[in-house]
Amino acid sequence: MSERLALLMNSPYVRRLGVRFDDHGDELTGILPYADTLVGNPLIPALHGGAIGAFMEITAAAGLLAASDLAALPKPIDVSIDYLRPVRPADVYARAAITRQGSRVSNVRVEAWQERRAAPVAALHGHFLVKPAGGER
């Protein structure tokens, strides 16, 4: 695990959510373990959209850190989230795909799912400010 990814993983916010990552070859899969505190609507029950959005943003940052040699943590410029279906009280998984890696701004897409990757529960598209290691800024 890179030093920057370790810094992200040790942040109180990431630790509070319980997010962890599983690395299989060149794919980094984020895991948001189910916890009762993540339920936003106990009547359905469904996980809170804010927790899902935060998880996907963390996954995007981790994807950028794993794919690039950055001098600092990526900073979100703007993020758009599509909530596609209620997120049941179970673990959630996500993967980030970097659609454009620039010298200052990177575009990332994240899909989150539960049982089947082919049935995503939410999707994120975001632009992140990046600072490559060794770059002048």
C-alpha atoms as a PDB file:
ATOM      1  CA  MET A   1       0.000   0.000   0.000  1.00  0.00           C
ATOM      2  CA  SER A   2       1.420   3.367  -0.997  1.00  0.00           C
ATOM      3  CA  GLU A   3       2.150   5.993   1.649  1.00  0.00           C
ATOM      4  CA  ARG A   4      -0.612   8.264   0.270  1.00  0.00           C
ATOM      5  CA  LEU A   5      -3.161   5.457   0.189  1.00  0.00           C
ATOM      6  CA  ALA A   6      -2.206   4.640   3.790  1.00  0.00           C
ATOM      7  CA  LEU A   7      -2.764   8.316   4.677  1.00  0.00           C
ATOM      8  CA  LEU A   8      -6.253   8.146   3.136  1.00  0.00           C
ATOM      9  CA  MET A   9      -7.044   4.879   4.918  1.00  0.00           C
ATOM     10  CA  ASN A  10      -5.937   6.253   8.291  1.00  0.00           C
ATOM     11  CA  SER A  11      -8.125   9.350   8.135  1.00  0.00           C
ATOM     12  CA  PRO A  12     -10.759   9.373  10.895  1.00  0.00           C
ATOM     13  CA  TYR A  13     -13.548   9.728   8.312  1.00  0.00           C
ATOM     14  CA  VAL A  14     -12.522   6.609   6.385  1.00  0.00           C
ATOM     15  CA  ARG A  15     -11.934   4.641   9.589  1.00  0.00           C
ATOM     16  CA  ARG A  16     -15.360   5.679  10.980  1.00  0.00           C
ATOM     17  CA  LEU A  17     -17.102   4.363   7.865  1.00  0.00           C
ATOM     18  CA  GLY A  18     -15.011   1.175   8.037  1.00  0.00           C
ATOM     19  CA  VAL A  19     -14.007   1.361   4.366  1.00  0.00           C
ATOM     20  CA  ARG A  20     -11.357  -1.091   3.271  1.00  0.00           C
ATOM     21  CA  PHE A  21      -9.870  -2.139  -0.072  1.00  0.00           C
ATOM     22  CA  ASP A  22      -9.163  -5.463  -1.706  1.00  0.00           C
ATOM     23  CA  ASP A  23      -6.466  -5.481  -4.379  1.00  0.00           C
ATOM     24  CA  HIS A  24      -6.789  -8.114  -7.125  1.00  0.00           C
ATOM     25  CA  GLY A  25      -4.120  -7.632  -9.769  1.00  0.00           C
ATOM     26  CA  ASP A  26      -4.674  -4.183 -11.257  1.00  0.00           C
ATOM     27  CA  GLU A  27      -8.177  -3.762  -9.781  1.00  0.00           C
ATOM     28  CA  LEU A  28      -8.832  -2.097  -6.454  1.00  0.00           C
ATOM     29  CA  THR A  29     -12.249  -2.926  -4.993  1.00  0.00           C
ATOM     30  CA  GLY A  30     -13.628  -0.766  -2.203  1.00  0.00           C
ATOM     31  CA  ILE A  31     -15.707  -2.427   0.489  1.00  0.00           C
ATOM     32  CA  LEU A  32     -18.161  -0.615   2.761  1.00  0.00           C
ATOM     33  CA  PRO A  33     -19.065  -3.172   5.445  1.00  0.00           C
ATOM     34  CA  TYR A  34     -22.658  -3.041   6.632  1.00  0.00           C
ATOM     35  CA  ALA A  35     -23.236  -1.349   9.991  1.00  0.00           C
ATOM     36  CA  ASP A  36     -26.526  -0.398  11.658  1.00  0.00           C
ATOM     37  CA  THR A  37     -25.266   3.199  11.901  1.00  0.00           C
ATOM     38  CA  LEU A  38     -25.287   3.465   8.090  1.00  0.00           C
ATOM     39  CA  VAL A  39     -29.055   2.924   7.804  1.00  0.00           C
ATOM     40  CA  GLY A  40     -30.764   6.130   6.711  1.00  0.00           C
ATOM     41  CA  ASN A  41     -34.312   4.868   6.407  1.00  0.00           C
ATOM     42  CA  PRO A  42     -35.157   2.132   8.922  1.00  0.00           C
ATOM     43  CA  LEU A  43     -38.626   1.620   7.396  1.00  0.00           C
ATOM     44  CA  ILE A  44     -37.297   0.195   4.101  1.00  0.00           C
ATOM     45  CA  PRO A  45     -34.455  -0.344   5.462  1.00  0.00           C
ATOM     46  CA  ALA A  46     -31.915   1.335   3.215  1.00  0.00           C
ATOM     47  CA  LEU A  47     -28.422   2.700   3.739  1.00  0.00           C
ATOM     48  CA  HIS A  48     -28.070   6.476   3.870  1.00  0.00           C
ATOM     49  CA  GLY A  49     -27.251   8.102   0.539  1.00  0.00           C
ATOM     50  CA  GLY A  50     -24.594  10.280   2.186  1.00  0.00           C
ATOM     51  CA  ALA A  51     -22.709   7.207   3.367  1.00  0.00           C
ATOM     52  CA  ILE A  52     -22.876   5.706  -0.128  1.00  0.00           C
ATOM     53  CA  GLY A  53     -21.728   8.982  -1.726  1.00  0.00           C
ATOM     54  CA  ALA A  54     -18.842   9.326   0.735  1.00  0.00           C
ATOM     55  CA  PHE A  55     -17.817   5.719   0.122  1.00  0.00           C
ATOM     56  CA  MET A  56     -17.731   6.265  -3.645  1.00  0.00           C
ATOM     57  CA  GLU A  57     -15.728   9.494  -3.254  1.00  0.00           C
ATOM     58  CA  ILE A  58     -13.207   7.642  -1.060  1.00  0.00           C
ATOM     59  CA  THR A  59     -13.040   4.880  -3.696  1.00  0.00           C
ATOM     60  CA  ALA A  60     -12.363   7.470  -6.418  1.00  0.00           C
ATOM     61  CA  ALA A  61      -9.526   9.013  -4.399  1.00  0.00           C
ATOM     62  CA  ALA A  62      -8.059   5.575  -3.669  1.00  0.00           C
ATOM     63  CA  GLY A  63      -8.237   4.667  -7.358  1.00  0.00           C
ATOM     64  CA  LEU A  64      -6.316   7.817  -8.282  1.00  0.00           C
ATOM     65  CA  LEU A  65      -3.723   7.180  -5.563  1.00  0.00           C
ATOM     66  CA  ALA A  66      -3.243   3.569  -6.668  1.00  0.00           C
ATOM     67  CA  ALA A  67      -2.900   4.465 -10.352  1.00  0.00           C
ATOM     68  CA  SER A  68      -0.689   7.554 -10.060  1.00  0.00           C
ATOM     69  CA  ASP A  69       2.302   8.869  -8.175  1.00  0.00           C
ATOM     70  CA  LEU A  70       0.698  11.872  -6.489  1.00  0.00           C
ATOM     71  CA  ALA A  71       2.329  14.355  -4.122  1.00  0.00           C
ATOM     72  CA  ALA A  72      -0.914  14.907  -2.182  1.00  0.00           C
ATOM     73  CA  LEU A  73      -4.359  13.442  -1.688  1.00  0.00           C
ATOM     74  CA  PRO A  74      -6.736  14.174  -4.604  1.00  0.00           C
ATOM     75  CA  LYS A  75      -9.192  16.980  -3.883  1.00  0.00           C
ATOM     76  CA  PRO A  76     -12.734  16.811  -5.272  1.00  0.00           C
ATOM     77  CA  ILE A  77     -13.648  19.695  -7.581  1.00  0.00           C
ATOM     78  CA  ASP A  78     -17.143  18.482  -8.367  1.00  0.00           C
ATOM     79  CA  VAL A  79     -18.945  15.210  -7.881  1.00  0.00           C
ATOM     80  CA  SER A  80     -22.205  13.985  -9.386  1.00  0.00           C
ATOM     81  CA  ILE A  81     -23.942  10.934  -7.926  1.00  0.00           C
ATOM     82  CA  ASP A  82     -26.738   8.870  -9.443  1.00  0.00           C
ATOM     83  CA  TYR A  83     -28.653   6.803  -6.901  1.00  0.00           C
ATOM     84  CA  LEU A  84     -30.038   3.945  -8.966  1.00  0.00           C
ATOM     85  CA  ARG A  85     -31.853   1.779  -6.401  1.00  0.00           C
ATOM     86  CA  PRO A  86     -32.219   1.469  -2.615  1.00  0.00           C
ATOM     87  CA  VAL A  87     -29.103   0.099  -0.946  1.00  0.00           C
ATOM     88  CA  ARG A  88     -30.108  -2.836   1.213  1.00  0.00           C
ATOM     89  CA  PRO A  89     -28.583  -3.438   4.672  1.00  0.00           C
ATOM     90  CA  ALA A  90     -25.590  -5.425   3.397  1.00  0.00           C
ATOM     91  CA  ASP A  91     -21.989  -4.795   2.344  1.00  0.00           C
ATOM     92  CA  VAL A  92     -21.455  -2.461  -0.627  1.00  0.00           C
ATOM     93  CA  TYR A  93     -18.624  -2.774  -3.172  1.00  0.00           C
ATOM     94  CA  ALA A  94     -17.203  -0.209  -5.589  1.00  0.00           C
ATOM     95  CA  ARG A  95     -14.552   0.199  -8.267  1.00  0.00           C
ATOM     96  CA  ALA A  96     -13.120   3.352  -9.760  1.00  0.00           C
ATOM     97  CA  ALA A  97     -12.252   3.853 -13.425  1.00  0.00           C
ATOM     98  CA  ILE A  98     -10.082   6.817 -14.322  1.00  0.00           C
ATOM     99  CA  THR A  99     -11.539   8.206 -17.528  1.00  0.00           C
ATOM    100  CA  ARG A 100      -8.932  10.962 -17.930  1.00  0.00           C
ATOM    101  CA  GLN A 101      -5.671  11.476 -16.071  1.00  0.00           C
ATOM    102  CA  GLY A 102      -4.443  15.026 -16.535  1.00  0.00           C
ATOM    103  CA  SER A 103      -1.553  16.918 -14.992  1.00  0.00           C
ATOM    104  CA  ARG A 104      -3.931  18.973 -12.797  1.00  0.00           C
ATOM    105  CA  VAL A 105      -7.407  17.461 -13.111  1.00  0.00           C
ATOM    106  CA  SER A 106      -8.503  13.837 -13.358  1.00  0.00           C
ATOM    107  CA  ASN A 107     -11.946  12.494 -14.233  1.00  0.00           C
ATOM    108  CA  VAL A 108     -13.121   9.415 -12.369  1.00  0.00           C
ATOM    109  CA  ARG A 109     -16.205   7.202 -12.599  1.00  0.00           C
ATOM    110  CA  VAL A 110     -17.172   4.881  -9.743  1.00  0.00           C
ATOM    111  CA  GLU A 111     -19.852   2.207  -9.718  1.00  0.00           C
ATOM    112  CA  ALA A 112     -21.153   0.709  -6.480  1.00  0.00           C
ATOM    113  CA  TRP A 113     -23.041  -2.566  -6.219  1.00  0.00           C
ATOM    114  CA  GLN A 114     -24.090  -5.189  -3.710  1.00  0.00           C
ATOM    115  CA  GLU A 115     -24.747  -8.755  -4.913  1.00  0.00           C
ATOM    116  CA  ARG A 116     -24.078  -8.317  -8.638  1.00  0.00           C
ATOM    117  CA  ARG A 117     -21.733  -5.867 -10.277  1.00  0.00           C
ATOM    118  CA  ALA A 118     -24.072  -5.845 -13.277  1.00  0.00           C
ATOM    119  CA  ALA A 119     -26.787  -4.295 -11.046  1.00  0.00           C
ATOM    120  CA  PRO A 120     -25.199  -1.117  -9.659  1.00  0.00           C
ATOM    121  CA  VAL A 121     -26.898   0.683  -6.776  1.00  0.00           C
ATOM    122  CA  ALA A 122     -25.162   4.029  -7.406  1.00  0.00           C
ATOM    123  CA  ALA A 123     -22.682   5.701  -9.743  1.00  0.00           C
ATOM    124  CA  LEU A 124     -20.356   8.669  -9.253  1.00  0.00           C
ATOM    125  CA  HIS A 125     -18.701  10.887 -11.820  1.00  0.00           C
ATOM    126  CA  GLY A 126     -16.177  13.323 -10.429  1.00  0.00           C
ATOM    127  CA  HIS A 127     -13.396  15.724 -11.257  1.00  0.00           C
ATOM    128  CA  PHE A 128     -10.456  15.766  -8.861  1.00  0.00           C
ATOM    129  CA  LEU A 129      -7.578  18.183  -8.478  1.00  0.00           C
ATOM    130  CA  VAL A 130      -4.346  16.199  -8.519  1.00  0.00           C
ATOM    131  CA  LYS A 131      -0.752  17.128  -7.883  1.00  0.00           C
ATOM    132  CA  PRO A 132       1.674  14.650  -9.477  1.00  0.00           C
ATOM    133  CA  ALA A 133       4.828  13.909  -7.500  1.00  0.00           C
ATOM    134  CA  GLY A 134       7.775  15.846  -8.805  1.00  0.00           C
ATOM    135  CA  GLY A 135       5.505  18.409 -10.508  1.00  0.00           C
ATOM    136  CA  GLU A 136       5.957  22.132 -10.005  1.00  0.00           C
ATOM    137  CA  ARG A 137       3.006  23.950  -8.399  1.00  0.00           C
END
